[in-house]
Amino acid sequence: MDEAELDLRGPELVRPQRPWALIGAALLLVVLVAVLWAKWSESRGEVERLRAELKVVYSEAEALRTLAAQAQQRVTILEKQVQGIRTERDEANSRATERIVPKVPAKPTPKSGKSTTR
């Protein structure tokens, strides 16, 4: 080989420097993507668990609403029954007192104060 040929190939033989900043940034990006993927997977599982728990809570709340409505209906019926029993009791008491104590006409009472005689 000729020295002239080596001079021509000389610049071609020199390797350019590697862009270490770009390589480091790419590796950092890979690490960030891996961390974000792991966190996303974790949060997705948490969302699914919370959705299932929310379904359970909603079904329990609906069962409690149903029980409360039934209890309110029972209370309304019982209040009506108590009112009916009170009415019957009051009527029975008034009939019993009428039988025991006959109605006596009230005597007119003289008015006190000035006398009508002079």
PDB file of N, CA and C in Angstrom:
ATOM      1  N   MET A   1       0.833  -1.156   0.000  1.00  0.00           N
ATOM      2  CA  MET A   1       0.000   0.000   0.000  1.00  0.00           C
ATOM      3  C   MET A   1       0.889   1.234   0.000  1.00  0.00           C
ATOM      4  N   ASP A   2       0.365   2.089  -0.593  1.00  0.00           N
ATOM      5  CA  ASP A   2       1.080   3.342  -0.784  1.00  0.00           C
ATOM      6  C   ASP A   2       0.758   4.303   0.335  1.00  0.00           C
ATOM      7  N   GLU A   3       1.758   5.136   0.618  1.00  0.00           N
ATOM      8  CA  GLU A   3       1.520   6.094   1.699  1.00  0.00           C
ATOM      9  C   GLU A   3       0.443   7.093   1.316  1.00  0.00           C
ATOM     10  N   ALA A   4       0.312   7.325   0.087  1.00  0.00           N
ATOM     11  CA  ALA A   4      -0.709   8.260  -0.389  1.00  0.00           C
ATOM     12  C   ALA A   4      -2.100   7.670  -0.151  1.00  0.00           C
ATOM     13  N   GLU A   5      -2.171   6.360  -0.353  1.00  0.00           N
ATOM     14  CA  GLU A   5      -3.458   5.706  -0.097  1.00  0.00           C
ATOM     15  C   GLU A   5      -3.803   5.754   1.386  1.00  0.00           C
ATOM     16  N   LEU A   6      -2.812   5.580   2.246  1.00  0.00           N
ATOM     17  CA  LEU A   6      -3.063   5.645   3.681  1.00  0.00           C
ATOM     18  C   LEU A   6      -3.500   7.036   4.092  1.00  0.00           C
ATOM     19  N   ASP A   7      -2.954   8.020   3.481  1.00  0.00           N
ATOM     20  CA  ASP A   7      -3.372   9.380   3.814  1.00  0.00           C
ATOM     21  C   ASP A   7      -4.819   9.617   3.409  1.00  0.00           C
ATOM     22  N   LEU A   8      -5.201   9.010   2.311  1.00  0.00           N
ATOM     23  CA  LEU A   8      -6.586   9.202   1.875  1.00  0.00           C
ATOM     24  C   LEU A   8      -7.559   8.443   2.786  1.00  0.00           C
ATOM     25  N   ARG A   9      -7.112   7.299   3.223  1.00  0.00           N
ATOM     26  CA  ARG A   9      -7.994   6.514   4.103  1.00  0.00           C
ATOM     27  C   ARG A   9      -7.893   6.978   5.552  1.00  0.00           C
ATOM     28  N   GLY A  10      -6.941   7.750   5.892  1.00  0.00           N
ATOM     29  CA  GLY A  10      -6.712   8.202   7.255  1.00  0.00           C
ATOM     30  C   GLY A  10      -7.936   8.788   7.927  1.00  0.00           C
ATOM     31  N   PRO A  11      -8.586   9.740   7.354  1.00  0.00           N
ATOM     32  CA  PRO A  11      -9.779  10.283   8.001  1.00  0.00           C
ATOM     33  C   PRO A  11     -10.904   9.252   8.111  1.00  0.00           C
ATOM     34  N   GLU A  12     -10.951   8.321   7.234  1.00  0.00           N
ATOM     35  CA  GLU A  12     -11.990   7.300   7.297  1.00  0.00           C
ATOM     36  C   GLU A  12     -11.730   6.327   8.438  1.00  0.00           C
ATOM     37  N   LEU A  13     -10.477   6.109   8.780  1.00  0.00           N
ATOM     38  CA  LEU A  13     -10.157   5.181   9.836  1.00  0.00           C
ATOM     39  C   LEU A  13     -10.441   5.755  11.222  1.00  0.00           C
ATOM     40  N   VAL A  14     -10.512   7.035  11.349  1.00  0.00           N
ATOM     41  CA  VAL A  14     -10.759   7.664  12.650  1.00  0.00           C
ATOM     42  C   VAL A  14     -12.239   7.497  12.989  1.00  0.00           C
ATOM     43  N   ARG A  15     -12.457   6.882  14.122  1.00  0.00           N
ATOM     44  CA  ARG A  15     -13.850   6.675  14.546  1.00  0.00           C
ATOM     45  C   ARG A  15     -14.384   7.943  15.208  1.00  0.00           C
ATOM     46  N   PRO A  16     -15.610   8.296  14.896  1.00  0.00           N
ATOM     47  CA  PRO A  16     -16.178   9.472  15.554  1.00  0.00           C
ATOM     48  C   PRO A  16     -16.500   9.126  17.012  1.00  0.00           C
ATOM     49  N   GLN A  17     -16.520  10.141  17.891  1.00  0.00           N
ATOM     50  CA  GLN A  17     -16.856   9.882  19.307  1.00  0.00           C
ATOM     51  C   GLN A  17     -18.328   9.533  19.426  1.00  0.00           C
ATOM     52  N   ARG A  18     -18.613   8.663  20.387  1.00  0.00           N
ATOM     53  CA  ARG A  18     -20.003   8.280  20.612  1.00  0.00           C
ATOM     54  C   ARG A  18     -20.713   9.393  21.389  1.00  0.00           C
ATOM     55  N   PRO A  19     -21.976   9.605  21.092  1.00  0.00           N
ATOM     56  CA  PRO A  19     -22.728  10.640  21.811  1.00  0.00           C
ATOM     57  C   PRO A  19     -23.202  10.097  23.171  1.00  0.00           C
ATOM     58  N   TRP A  20     -22.333  10.159  24.156  1.00  0.00           N
ATOM     59  CA  TRP A  20     -22.632   9.579  25.463  1.00  0.00           C
ATOM     60  C   TRP A  20     -23.844  10.237  26.109  1.00  0.00           C
ATOM     61  N   ALA A  21     -24.060  11.487  25.892  1.00  0.00           N
ATOM     62  CA  ALA A  21     -25.236  12.167  26.463  1.00  0.00           C
ATOM     63  C   ALA A  21     -26.526  11.564  25.902  1.00  0.00           C
ATOM     64  N   LEU A  22     -26.524  11.300  24.604  1.00  0.00           N
ATOM     65  CA  LEU A  22     -27.701  10.696  23.974  1.00  0.00           C
ATOM     66  C   LEU A  22     -27.920   9.272  24.473  1.00  0.00           C
ATOM     67  N   ILE A  23     -26.870   8.521  24.634  1.00  0.00           N
ATOM     68  CA  ILE A  23     -26.959   7.144  25.143  1.00  0.00           C
ATOM     69  C   ILE A  23     -27.472   7.168  26.586  1.00  0.00           C
ATOM     70  N   GLY A  24     -26.934   8.056  27.395  1.00  0.00           N
ATOM     71  CA  GLY A  24     -27.399   8.177  28.788  1.00  0.00           C
ATOM     72  C   GLY A  24     -28.860   8.582  28.861  1.00  0.00           C
ATOM     73  N   ALA A  25     -29.269   9.517  28.002  1.00  0.00           N
ATOM     74  CA  ALA A  25     -30.674   9.954  27.985  1.00  0.00           C
ATOM     75  C   ALA A  25     -31.588   8.797  27.574  1.00  0.00           C
ATOM     76  N   ALA A  26     -31.143   8.004  26.597  1.00  0.00           N
ATOM     77  CA  ALA A  26     -31.945   6.862  26.151  1.00  0.00           C
ATOM     78  C   ALA A  26     -32.096   5.826  27.272  1.00  0.00           C
ATOM     79  N   LEU A  27     -30.992   5.560  27.988  1.00  0.00           N
ATOM     80  CA  LEU A  27     -31.060   4.614  29.100  1.00  0.00           C
ATOM     81  C   LEU A  27     -31.969   5.147  30.218  1.00  0.00           C
ATOM     82  N   LEU A  28     -31.868   6.435  30.492  1.00  0.00           N
ATOM     83  CA  LEU A  28     -32.738   7.044  31.491  1.00  0.00           C
ATOM     84  C   LEU A  28     -34.204   6.948  31.073  1.00  0.00           C
ATOM     85  N   LEU A  29     -34.467   7.156  29.805  1.00  0.00           N
ATOM     86  CA  LEU A  29     -35.828   7.026  29.285  1.00  0.00           C
ATOM     87  C   LEU A  29     -36.343   5.603  29.451  1.00  0.00           C
ATOM     88  N   VAL A  30     -35.507   4.617  29.195  1.00  0.00           N
ATOM     89  CA  VAL A  30     -35.892   3.211  29.360  1.00  0.00           C
ATOM     90  C   VAL A  30     -36.237   2.934  30.821  1.00  0.00           C
ATOM     91  N   VAL A  31     -35.421   3.439  31.742  1.00  0.00           N
ATOM     92  CA  VAL A  31     -35.684   3.226  33.168  1.00  0.00           C
ATOM     93  C   VAL A  31     -37.002   3.898  33.567  1.00  0.00           C
ATOM     94  N   LEU A  32     -37.206   5.128  33.112  1.00  0.00           N
ATOM     95  CA  LEU A  32     -38.451   5.833  33.440  1.00  0.00           C
ATOM     96  C   LEU A  32     -39.682   5.108  32.898  1.00  0.00           C
ATOM     97  N   VAL A  33     -39.577   4.614  31.668  1.00  0.00           N
ATOM     98  CA  VAL A  33     -40.705   3.872  31.082  1.00  0.00           C
ATOM     99  C   VAL A  33     -40.995   2.621  31.892  1.00  0.00           C
ATOM    100  N   ALA A  34     -39.961   1.915  32.317  1.00  0.00           N
ATOM    101  CA  ALA A  34     -40.163   0.695  33.111  1.00  0.00           C
ATOM    102  C   ALA A  34     -40.827   1.023  34.446  1.00  0.00           C
ATOM    103  N   VAL A  35     -40.365   2.091  35.102  1.00  0.00           N
ATOM    104  CA  VAL A  35     -40.957   2.478  36.397  1.00  0.00           C
ATOM    105  C   VAL A  35     -42.410   2.898  36.205  1.00  0.00           C
ATOM    106  N   LEU A  36     -42.663   3.713  35.194  1.00  0.00           N
ATOM    107  CA  LEU A  36     -44.039   4.160  34.948  1.00  0.00           C
ATOM    108  C   LEU A  36     -44.949   2.987  34.601  1.00  0.00           C
ATOM    109  N   TRP A  37     -44.456   2.038  33.827  1.00  0.00           N
ATOM    110  CA  TRP A  37     -45.256   0.855  33.475  1.00  0.00           C
ATOM    111  C   TRP A  37     -45.612   0.065  34.733  1.00  0.00           C
ATOM    112  N   ALA A  38     -44.641  -0.097  35.619  1.00  0.00           N
ATOM    113  CA  ALA A  38     -44.893  -0.845  36.853  1.00  0.00           C
ATOM    114  C   ALA A  38     -45.920  -0.119  37.715  1.00  0.00           C
ATOM    115  N   LYS A  39     -45.772   1.193  37.851  1.00  0.00           N
ATOM    116  CA  LYS A  39     -46.728   1.969  38.649  1.00  0.00           C
ATOM    117  C   LYS A  39     -48.108   1.952  38.020  1.00  0.00           C
ATOM    118  N   TRP A  40     -48.171   2.032  36.700  1.00  0.00           N
ATOM    119  CA  TRP A  40     -49.460   1.998  36.011  1.00  0.00           C
ATOM    120  C   TRP A  40     -50.146   0.648  36.236  1.00  0.00           C
ATOM    121  N   SER A  41     -49.391  -0.421  36.134  1.00  0.00           N
ATOM    122  CA  SER A  41     -49.964  -1.754  36.368  1.00  0.00           C
ATOM    123  C   SER A  41     -50.482  -1.868  37.801  1.00  0.00           C
ATOM    124  N   GLU A  42     -49.709  -1.334  38.743  1.00  0.00           N
ATOM    125  CA  GLU A  42     -50.103  -1.360  40.150  1.00  0.00           C
ATOM    126  C   GLU A  42     -51.394  -0.565  40.367  1.00  0.00           C
ATOM    127  N   SER A  43     -51.441   0.618  39.785  1.00  0.00           N
ATOM    128  CA  SER A  43     -52.626   1.454  39.977  1.00  0.00           C
ATOM    129  C   SER A  43     -53.842   0.856  39.273  1.00  0.00           C
ATOM    130  N   ARG A  44     -53.633   0.189  38.168  1.00  0.00           N
ATOM    131  CA  ARG A  44     -54.737  -0.465  37.468  1.00  0.00           C
ATOM    132  C   ARG A  44     -55.343  -1.571  38.327  1.00  0.00           C
ATOM    133  N   GLY A  45     -54.475  -2.346  38.972  1.00  0.00           N
ATOM    134  CA  GLY A  45     -54.964  -3.380  39.889  1.00  0.00           C
ATOM    135  C   GLY A  45     -55.721  -2.772  41.059  1.00  0.00           C
ATOM    136  N   GLU A  46     -55.217  -1.657  41.567  1.00  0.00           N
ATOM    137  CA  GLU A  46     -55.883  -0.961  42.682  1.00  0.00           C
ATOM    138  C   GLU A  46     -57.256  -0.443  42.242  1.00  0.00           C
ATOM    139  N   VAL A  47     -57.344   0.064  41.027  1.00  0.00           N
ATOM    140  CA  VAL A  47     -58.629   0.555  40.509  1.00  0.00           C
ATOM    141  C   VAL A  47     -59.631  -0.591  40.429  1.00  0.00           C
ATOM    142  N   GLU A  48     -59.201  -1.716  39.946  1.00  0.00           N
ATOM    143  CA  GLU A  48     -60.101  -2.873  39.845  1.00  0.00           C
ATOM    144  C   GLU A  48     -60.573  -3.317  41.232  1.00  0.00           C
ATOM    145  N   ARG A  49     -59.657  -3.331  42.188  1.00  0.00           N
ATOM    146  CA  ARG A  49     -60.036  -3.711  43.553  1.00  0.00           C
ATOM    147  C   ARG A  49     -61.034  -2.718  44.136  1.00  0.00           C
ATOM    148  N   LEU A  50     -60.799  -1.435  43.906  1.00  0.00           N
ATOM    149  CA  LEU A  50     -61.708  -0.408  44.426  1.00  0.00           C
ATOM    150  C   LEU A  50     -63.077  -0.473  43.747  1.00  0.00           C
ATOM    151  N   ARG A  51     -63.104  -0.781  42.471  1.00  0.00           N
ATOM    152  CA  ARG A  51     -64.395  -0.927  41.774  1.00  0.00           C
ATOM    153  C   ARG A  51     -65.202  -2.080  42.360  1.00  0.00           C
ATOM    154  N   ALA A  52     -64.525  -3.184  42.623  1.00  0.00           N
ATOM    155  CA  ALA A  52     -65.216  -4.328  43.224  1.00  0.00           C
ATOM    156  C   ALA A  52     -65.731  -3.968  44.614  1.00  0.00           C
ATOM    157  N   GLU A  53     -64.915  -3.258  45.383  1.00  0.00           N
ATOM    158  CA  GLU A  53     -65.333  -2.848  46.723  1.00  0.00           C
ATOM    159  C   GLU A  53     -66.505  -1.870  46.649  1.00  0.00           C
ATOM    160  N   LEU A  54     -66.488  -0.991  45.657  1.00  0.00           N
ATOM    161  CA  LEU A  54     -67.578  -0.033  45.484  1.00  0.00           C
ATOM    162  C   LEU A  54     -68.881  -0.743  45.142  1.00  0.00           C
ATOM    163  N   LYS A  55     -68.812  -1.789  44.333  1.00  0.00           N
ATOM    164  CA  LYS A  55     -70.007  -2.568  44.015  1.00  0.00           C
ATOM    165  C   LYS A  55     -70.589  -3.185  45.283  1.00  0.00           C
ATOM    166  N   VAL A  56     -69.724  -3.704  46.146  1.00  0.00           N
ATOM    167  CA  VAL A  56     -70.182  -4.296  47.403  1.00  0.00           C
ATOM    168  C   VAL A  56     -70.834  -3.238  48.278  1.00  0.00           C
ATOM    169  N   VAL A  57     -70.214  -2.072  48.352  1.00  0.00           N
ATOM    170  CA  VAL A  57     -70.762  -0.993  49.187  1.00  0.00           C
ATOM    171  C   VAL A  57     -72.115  -0.546  48.657  1.00  0.00           C
ATOM    172  N   TYR A  58     -72.234  -0.403  47.334  1.00  0.00           N
ATOM    173  CA  TYR A  58     -73.523  -0.007  46.755  1.00  0.00           C
ATOM    174  C   TYR A  58     -74.605  -1.046  47.036  1.00  0.00           C
ATOM    175  N   SER A  59     -74.260  -2.320  46.935  1.00  0.00           N
ATOM    176  CA  SER A  59     -75.271  -3.351  47.195  1.00  0.00           C
ATOM    177  C   SER A  59     -75.674  -3.356  48.665  1.00  0.00           C
ATOM    178  N   GLU A  60     -74.709  -3.135  49.572  1.00  0.00           N
ATOM    179  CA  GLU A  60     -75.049  -3.055  50.999  1.00  0.00           C
ATOM    180  C   GLU A  60     -75.915  -1.832  51.283  1.00  0.00           C
ATOM    181  N   ALA A  61     -75.599  -0.715  50.640  1.00  0.00           N
ATOM    182  CA  ALA A  61     -76.390   0.505  50.836  1.00  0.00           C
ATOM    183  C   ALA A  61     -77.816   0.297  50.337  1.00  0.00           C
ATOM    184  N   GLU A  62     -77.970  -0.373  49.222  1.00  0.00           N
ATOM    185  CA  GLU A  62     -79.310  -0.631  48.696  1.00  0.00           C
ATOM    186  C   GLU A  62     -80.097  -1.554  49.628  1.00  0.00           C
ATOM    187  N   ALA A  63     -79.421  -2.551  50.182  1.00  0.00           N
ATOM    188  CA  ALA A  63     -80.084  -3.450  51.139  1.00  0.00           C
ATOM    189  C   ALA A  63     -80.526  -2.666  52.374  1.00  0.00           C
ATOM    190  N   LEU A  64     -79.673  -1.755  52.841  1.00  0.00           N
ATOM    191  CA  LEU A  64     -80.043  -0.940  54.012  1.00  0.00           C
ATOM    192  C   LEU A  64     -81.202  -0.002  53.695  1.00  0.00           C
ATOM    193  N   ARG A  65     -81.207   0.569  52.491  1.00  0.00           N
ATOM    194  CA  ARG A  65     -82.344   1.431  52.090  1.00  0.00           C
ATOM    195  C   ARG A  65     -83.639   0.625  52.077  1.00  0.00           C
ATOM    196  N   THR A  66     -83.566  -0.593  51.578  1.00  0.00           N
ATOM    197  CA  THR A  66     -84.756  -1.445  51.536  1.00  0.00           C
ATOM    198  C   THR A  66     -85.241  -1.745  52.948  1.00  0.00           C
ATOM    199  N   LEU A  67     -84.309  -2.091  53.836  1.00  0.00           N
ATOM    200  CA  LEU A  67     -84.689  -2.363  55.228  1.00  0.00           C
ATOM    201  C   LEU A  67     -85.286  -1.131  55.892  1.00  0.00           C
ATOM    202  N   ALA A  68     -84.716   0.040  55.615  1.00  0.00           N
ATOM    203  CA  ALA A  68     -85.233   1.273  56.208  1.00  0.00           C
ATOM    204  C   ALA A  68     -86.644   1.559  55.703  1.00  0.00           C
ATOM    205  N   ALA A  69     -86.885   1.336  54.426  1.00  0.00           N
ATOM    206  CA  ALA A  69     -88.227   1.564  53.877  1.00  0.00           C
ATOM    207  C   ALA A  69     -89.234   0.593  54.501  1.00  0.00           C
ATOM    208  N   GLN A  70     -88.836  -0.660  54.660  1.00  0.00           N
ATOM    209  CA  GLN A  70     -89.723  -1.636  55.292  1.00  0.00           C
ATOM    210  C   GLN A  70     -89.997  -1.264  56.748  1.00  0.00           C
ATOM    211  N   ALA A  71     -88.976  -0.827  57.445  1.00  0.00           N
ATOM    212  CA  ALA A  71     -89.151  -0.424  58.842  1.00  0.00           C
ATOM    213  C   ALA A  71     -90.077   0.782  58.933  1.00  0.00           C
ATOM    214  N   GLN A  72     -89.929   1.726  58.012  1.00  0.00           N
ATOM    215  CA  GLN A  72     -90.797   2.903  58.011  1.00  0.00           C
ATOM    216  C   GLN A  72     -92.252   2.500  57.758  1.00  0.00           C
ATOM    217  N   GLN A  73     -92.463   1.552  56.867  1.00  0.00           N
ATOM    218  CA  GLN A  73     -93.823   1.066  56.621  1.00  0.00           C
ATOM    219  C   GLN A  73     -94.392   0.415  57.879  1.00  0.00           C
ATOM    220  N   ARG A  74     -93.570  -0.384  58.563  1.00  0.00           N
ATOM    221  CA  ARG A  74     -94.029  -1.022  59.802  1.00  0.00           C
ATOM    222  C   ARG A  74     -94.356   0.023  60.864  1.00  0.00           C
ATOM    223  N   VAL A  75     -93.525   1.049  60.968  1.00  0.00           N
ATOM    224  CA  VAL A  75     -93.778   2.105  61.952  1.00  0.00           C
ATOM    225  C   VAL A  75     -95.100   2.807  61.638  1.00  0.00           C
ATOM    226  N   THR A  76     -95.349   3.098  60.379  1.00  0.00           N
ATOM    227  CA  THR A  76     -96.597   3.754  59.984  1.00  0.00           C
ATOM    228  C   THR A  76     -97.801   2.888  60.343  1.00  0.00           C
ATOM    229  N   ILE A  77     -97.712   1.597  60.059  1.00  0.00           N
ATOM    230  CA  ILE A  77     -98.814   0.684  60.388  1.00  0.00           C
ATOM    231  C   ILE A  77     -99.015   0.628  61.895  1.00  0.00           C
ATOM    232  N   LEU A  78     -97.923   0.511  62.648  1.00  0.00           N
ATOM    233  CA  LEU A  78     -98.035   0.451  64.111  1.00  0.00           C
ATOM    234  C   LEU A  78     -98.609   1.745  64.690  1.00  0.00           C
ATOM    235  N   GLU A  79     -98.214   2.890  64.125  1.00  0.00           N
ATOM    236  CA  GLU A  79     -98.768   4.162  64.603  1.00  0.00           C
ATOM    237  C   GLU A  79    -100.274   4.212  64.362  1.00  0.00           C
ATOM    238  N   LYS A  80    -100.724   3.736  63.220  1.00  0.00           N
ATOM    239  CA  LYS A  80    -102.162   3.708  62.934  1.00  0.00           C
ATOM    240  C   LYS A  80    -102.878   2.777  63.916  1.00  0.00           C
ATOM    241  N   GLN A  81    -102.267   1.625  64.191  1.00  0.00           N
ATOM    242  CA  GLN A  81    -102.875   0.694  65.144  1.00  0.00           C
ATOM    243  C   GLN A  81    -102.942   1.302  66.536  1.00  0.00           C
ATOM    244  N   VAL A  82    -101.871   1.965  66.961  1.00  0.00           N
ATOM    245  CA  VAL A  82    -101.858   2.595  68.284  1.00  0.00           C
ATOM    246  C   VAL A  82    -102.919   3.681  68.348  1.00  0.00           C
ATOM    247  N   GLN A  83    -103.054   4.474  67.301  1.00  0.00           N
ATOM    248  CA  GLN A  83    -104.067   5.527  67.282  1.00  0.00           C
ATOM    249  C   GLN A  83    -105.467   4.913  67.357  1.00  0.00           C
ATOM    250  N   GLY A  84    -105.677   3.819  66.647  1.00  0.00           N
ATOM    251  CA  GLY A  84    -106.973   3.140  66.706  1.00  0.00           C
ATOM    252  C   GLY A  84    -107.264   2.608  68.105  1.00  0.00           C
ATOM    253  N   ILE A  85    -106.257   2.021  68.732  1.00  0.00           N
ATOM    254  CA  ILE A  85    -106.431   1.487  70.093  1.00  0.00           C
ATOM    255  C   ILE A  85    -106.702   2.628  71.071  1.00  0.00           C
ATOM    256  N   ARG A  86    -106.009   3.756  70.916  1.00  0.00           N
ATOM    257  CA  ARG A  86    -106.255   4.904  71.798  1.00  0.00           C
ATOM    258  C   ARG A  86    -107.679   5.429  71.633  1.00  0.00           C
ATOM    259  N   THR A  87    -108.118   5.483  70.396  1.00  0.00           N
ATOM    260  CA  THR A  87    -109.480   5.950  70.143  1.00  0.00           C
ATOM    261  C   THR A  87    -110.486   5.005  70.795  1.00  0.00           C
ATOM    262  N   GLU A  88    -110.285   3.704  70.629  1.00  0.00           N
ATOM    263  CA  GLU A  88    -111.183   2.719  71.255  1.00  0.00           C
ATOM    264  C   GLU A  88    -111.151   2.858  72.776  1.00  0.00           C
ATOM    265  N   ARG A  89    -109.956   3.043  73.353  1.00  0.00           N
ATOM    266  CA  ARG A  89    -109.825   3.184  74.798  1.00  0.00           C
ATOM    267  C   ARG A  89    -110.563   4.427  75.296  1.00  0.00           C
ATOM    268  N   ASP A  90    -110.367   5.538  74.583  1.00  0.00           N
ATOM    269  CA  ASP A  90    -111.041   6.770  74.992  1.00  0.00           C
ATOM    270  C   ASP A  90    -112.563   6.619  74.913  1.00  0.00           C
ATOM    271  N   GLU A  91    -113.040   5.966  73.860  1.00  0.00           N
ATOM    272  CA  GLU A  91    -114.495   5.746  73.726  1.00  0.00           C
ATOM    273  C   GLU A  91    -114.996   4.841  74.853  1.00  0.00           C
ATOM    274  N   ALA A  92    -114.229   3.786  75.156  1.00  0.00           N
ATOM    275  CA  ALA A  92    -114.631   2.873  76.233  1.00  0.00           C
ATOM    276  C   ALA A  92    -114.611   3.601  77.575  1.00  0.00           C
ATOM    277  N   ASN A  93    -113.624   4.430  77.823  1.00  0.00           N
ATOM    278  CA  ASN A  93    -113.571   5.202  79.077  1.00  0.00           C
ATOM    279  C   ASN A  93    -114.736   6.163  79.183  1.00  0.00           C
ATOM    280  N   SER A  94    -115.070   6.826  78.101  1.00  0.00           N
ATOM    281  CA  SER A  94    -116.183   7.779  78.162  1.00  0.00           C
ATOM    282  C   SER A  94    -117.506   7.044  78.375  1.00  0.00           C
ATOM    283  N   ARG A  95    -117.686   5.877  77.772  1.00  0.00           N
ATOM    284  CA  ARG A  95    -118.920   5.092  78.008  1.00  0.00           C
ATOM    285  C   ARG A  95    -118.963   4.611  79.454  1.00  0.00           C
ATOM    286  N   ALA A  96    -117.813   4.178  79.964  1.00  0.00           N
ATOM    287  CA  ALA A  96    -117.781   3.678  81.342  1.00  0.00           C
ATOM    288  C   ALA A  96    -118.077   4.802  82.326  1.00  0.00           C
ATOM    289  N   THR A  97    -117.550   5.965  82.103  1.00  0.00           N
ATOM    290  CA  THR A  97    -117.822   7.075  83.033  1.00  0.00           C
ATOM    291  C   THR A  97    -119.266   7.527  82.928  1.00  0.00           C
ATOM    292  N   GLU A  98    -119.869   7.420  81.766  1.00  0.00           N
ATOM    293  CA  GLU A  98    -121.286   7.787  81.630  1.00  0.00           C
ATOM    294  C   GLU A  98    -122.152   6.814  82.410  1.00  0.00           C
ATOM    295  N   ARG A  99    -121.792   5.554  82.434  1.00  0.00           N
ATOM    296  CA  ARG A  99    -122.578   4.558  83.167  1.00  0.00           C
ATOM    297  C   ARG A  99    -122.412   4.745  84.668  1.00  0.00           C
ATOM    298  N   ILE A 100    -121.186   5.030  85.093  1.00  0.00           N
ATOM    299  CA  ILE A 100    -120.930   5.156  86.527  1.00  0.00           C
ATOM    300  C   ILE A 100    -121.488   6.464  87.059  1.00  0.00           C
ATOM    301  N   VAL A 101    -121.187   7.516  86.424  1.00  0.00           N
ATOM    302  CA  VAL A 101    -121.643   8.825  86.886  1.00  0.00           C
ATOM    303  C   VAL A 101    -122.712   9.309  85.923  1.00  0.00           C
ATOM    304  N   PRO A 102    -123.978   9.234  86.394  1.00  0.00           N
ATOM    305  CA  PRO A 102    -125.033   9.706  85.501  1.00  0.00           C
ATOM    306  C   PRO A 102    -124.937  11.222  85.379  1.00  0.00           C
ATOM    307  N   LYS A 103    -125.408  11.680  84.288  1.00  0.00           N
ATOM    308  CA  LYS A 103    -125.362  13.111  84.074  1.00  0.00           C
ATOM    309  C   LYS A 103    -126.381  13.777  84.991  1.00  0.00           C
ATOM    310  N   VAL A 104    -125.911  14.678  85.793  1.00  0.00           N
ATOM    311  CA  VAL A 104    -126.784  15.421  86.697  1.00  0.00           C
ATOM    312  C   VAL A 104    -126.903  16.812  86.122  1.00  0.00           C
ATOM    313  N   PRO A 105    -128.131  17.271  85.985  1.00  0.00           N
ATOM    314  CA  PRO A 105    -128.251  18.616  85.444  1.00  0.00           C
ATOM    315  C   PRO A 105    -127.606  19.599  86.412  1.00  0.00           C
ATOM    316  N   ALA A 106    -126.929  20.513  85.889  1.00  0.00           N
ATOM    317  CA  ALA A 106    -126.224  21.481  86.716  1.00  0.00           C
ATOM    318  C   ALA A 106    -127.226  22.446  87.326  1.00  0.00           C
ATOM    319  N   LYS A 107    -127.095  22.681  88.659  1.00  0.00           N
ATOM    320  CA  LYS A 107    -127.978  23.619  89.333  1.00  0.00           C
ATOM    321  C   LYS A 107    -127.459  25.017  89.065  1.00  0.00           C
ATOM    322  N   PRO A 108    -128.377  25.897  88.826  1.00  0.00           N
ATOM    323  CA  PRO A 108    -127.910  27.264  88.624  1.00  0.00           C
ATOM    324  C   PRO A 108    -127.382  27.806  89.944  1.00  0.00           C
ATOM    325  N   THR A 109    -126.258  28.375  89.931  1.00  0.00           N
ATOM    326  CA  THR A 109    -125.673  28.931  91.141  1.00  0.00           C
ATOM    327  C   THR A 109    -125.960  30.418  91.192  1.00  0.00           C
ATOM    328  N   PRO A 110    -126.332  30.898  92.427  1.00  0.00           N
ATOM    329  CA  PRO A 110    -126.615  32.330  92.515  1.00  0.00           C
ATOM    330  C   PRO A 110    -125.321  33.113  92.362  1.00  0.00           C
ATOM    331  N   LYS A 111    -125.452  34.241  91.752  1.00  0.00           N
ATOM    332  CA  LYS A 111    -124.290  35.070  91.538  1.00  0.00           C
ATOM    333  C   LYS A 111    -123.927  35.728  92.850  1.00  0.00           C
ATOM    334  N   SER A 112    -122.709  35.727  93.211  1.00  0.00           N
ATOM    335  CA  SER A 112    -122.290  36.366  94.428  1.00  0.00           C
ATOM    336  C   SER A 112    -121.964  37.826  94.123  1.00  0.00           C
ATOM    337  N   GLY A 113    -122.018  38.619  95.115  1.00  0.00           N
ATOM    338  CA  GLY A 113    -121.709  40.020  94.905  1.00  0.00           C
ATOM    339  C   GLY A 113    -122.865  40.858  95.419  1.00  0.00           C
ATOM    340  N   LYS A 114    -123.413  41.722  94.653  1.00  0.00           N
ATOM    341  CA  LYS A 114    -124.518  42.620  95.047  1.00  0.00           C
ATOM    342  C   LYS A 114    -125.803  41.840  95.212  1.00  0.00           C
ATOM    343  N   SER A 115    -126.500  42.174  96.223  1.00  0.00           N
ATOM    344  CA  SER A 115    -127.803  41.521  96.405  1.00  0.00           C
ATOM    345  C   SER A 115    -128.851  42.355  95.683  1.00  0.00           C
ATOM    346  N   THR A 116    -129.893  41.691  95.280  1.00  0.00           N
ATOM    347  CA  THR A 116    -130.941  42.362  94.522  1.00  0.00           C
ATOM    348  C   THR A 116    -131.970  43.005  95.426  1.00  0.00           C
ATOM    349  N   THR A 117    -131.983  42.739  96.732  1.00  0.00           N
ATOM    350  CA  THR A 117    -132.938  43.332  97.656  1.00  0.00           C
ATOM    351  C   THR A 117    -132.379  44.643  98.181  1.00  0.00           C
ATOM    352  N   ARG A 118    -133.319  45.655  98.353  1.00  0.00           N
ATOM    353  CA  ARG A 118    -132.907  46.920  98.888  1.00  0.00           C
ATOM    354  C   ARG A 118    -133.500  47.155 100.201  1.00  0.00           C
TER     355      ARG A 118
END
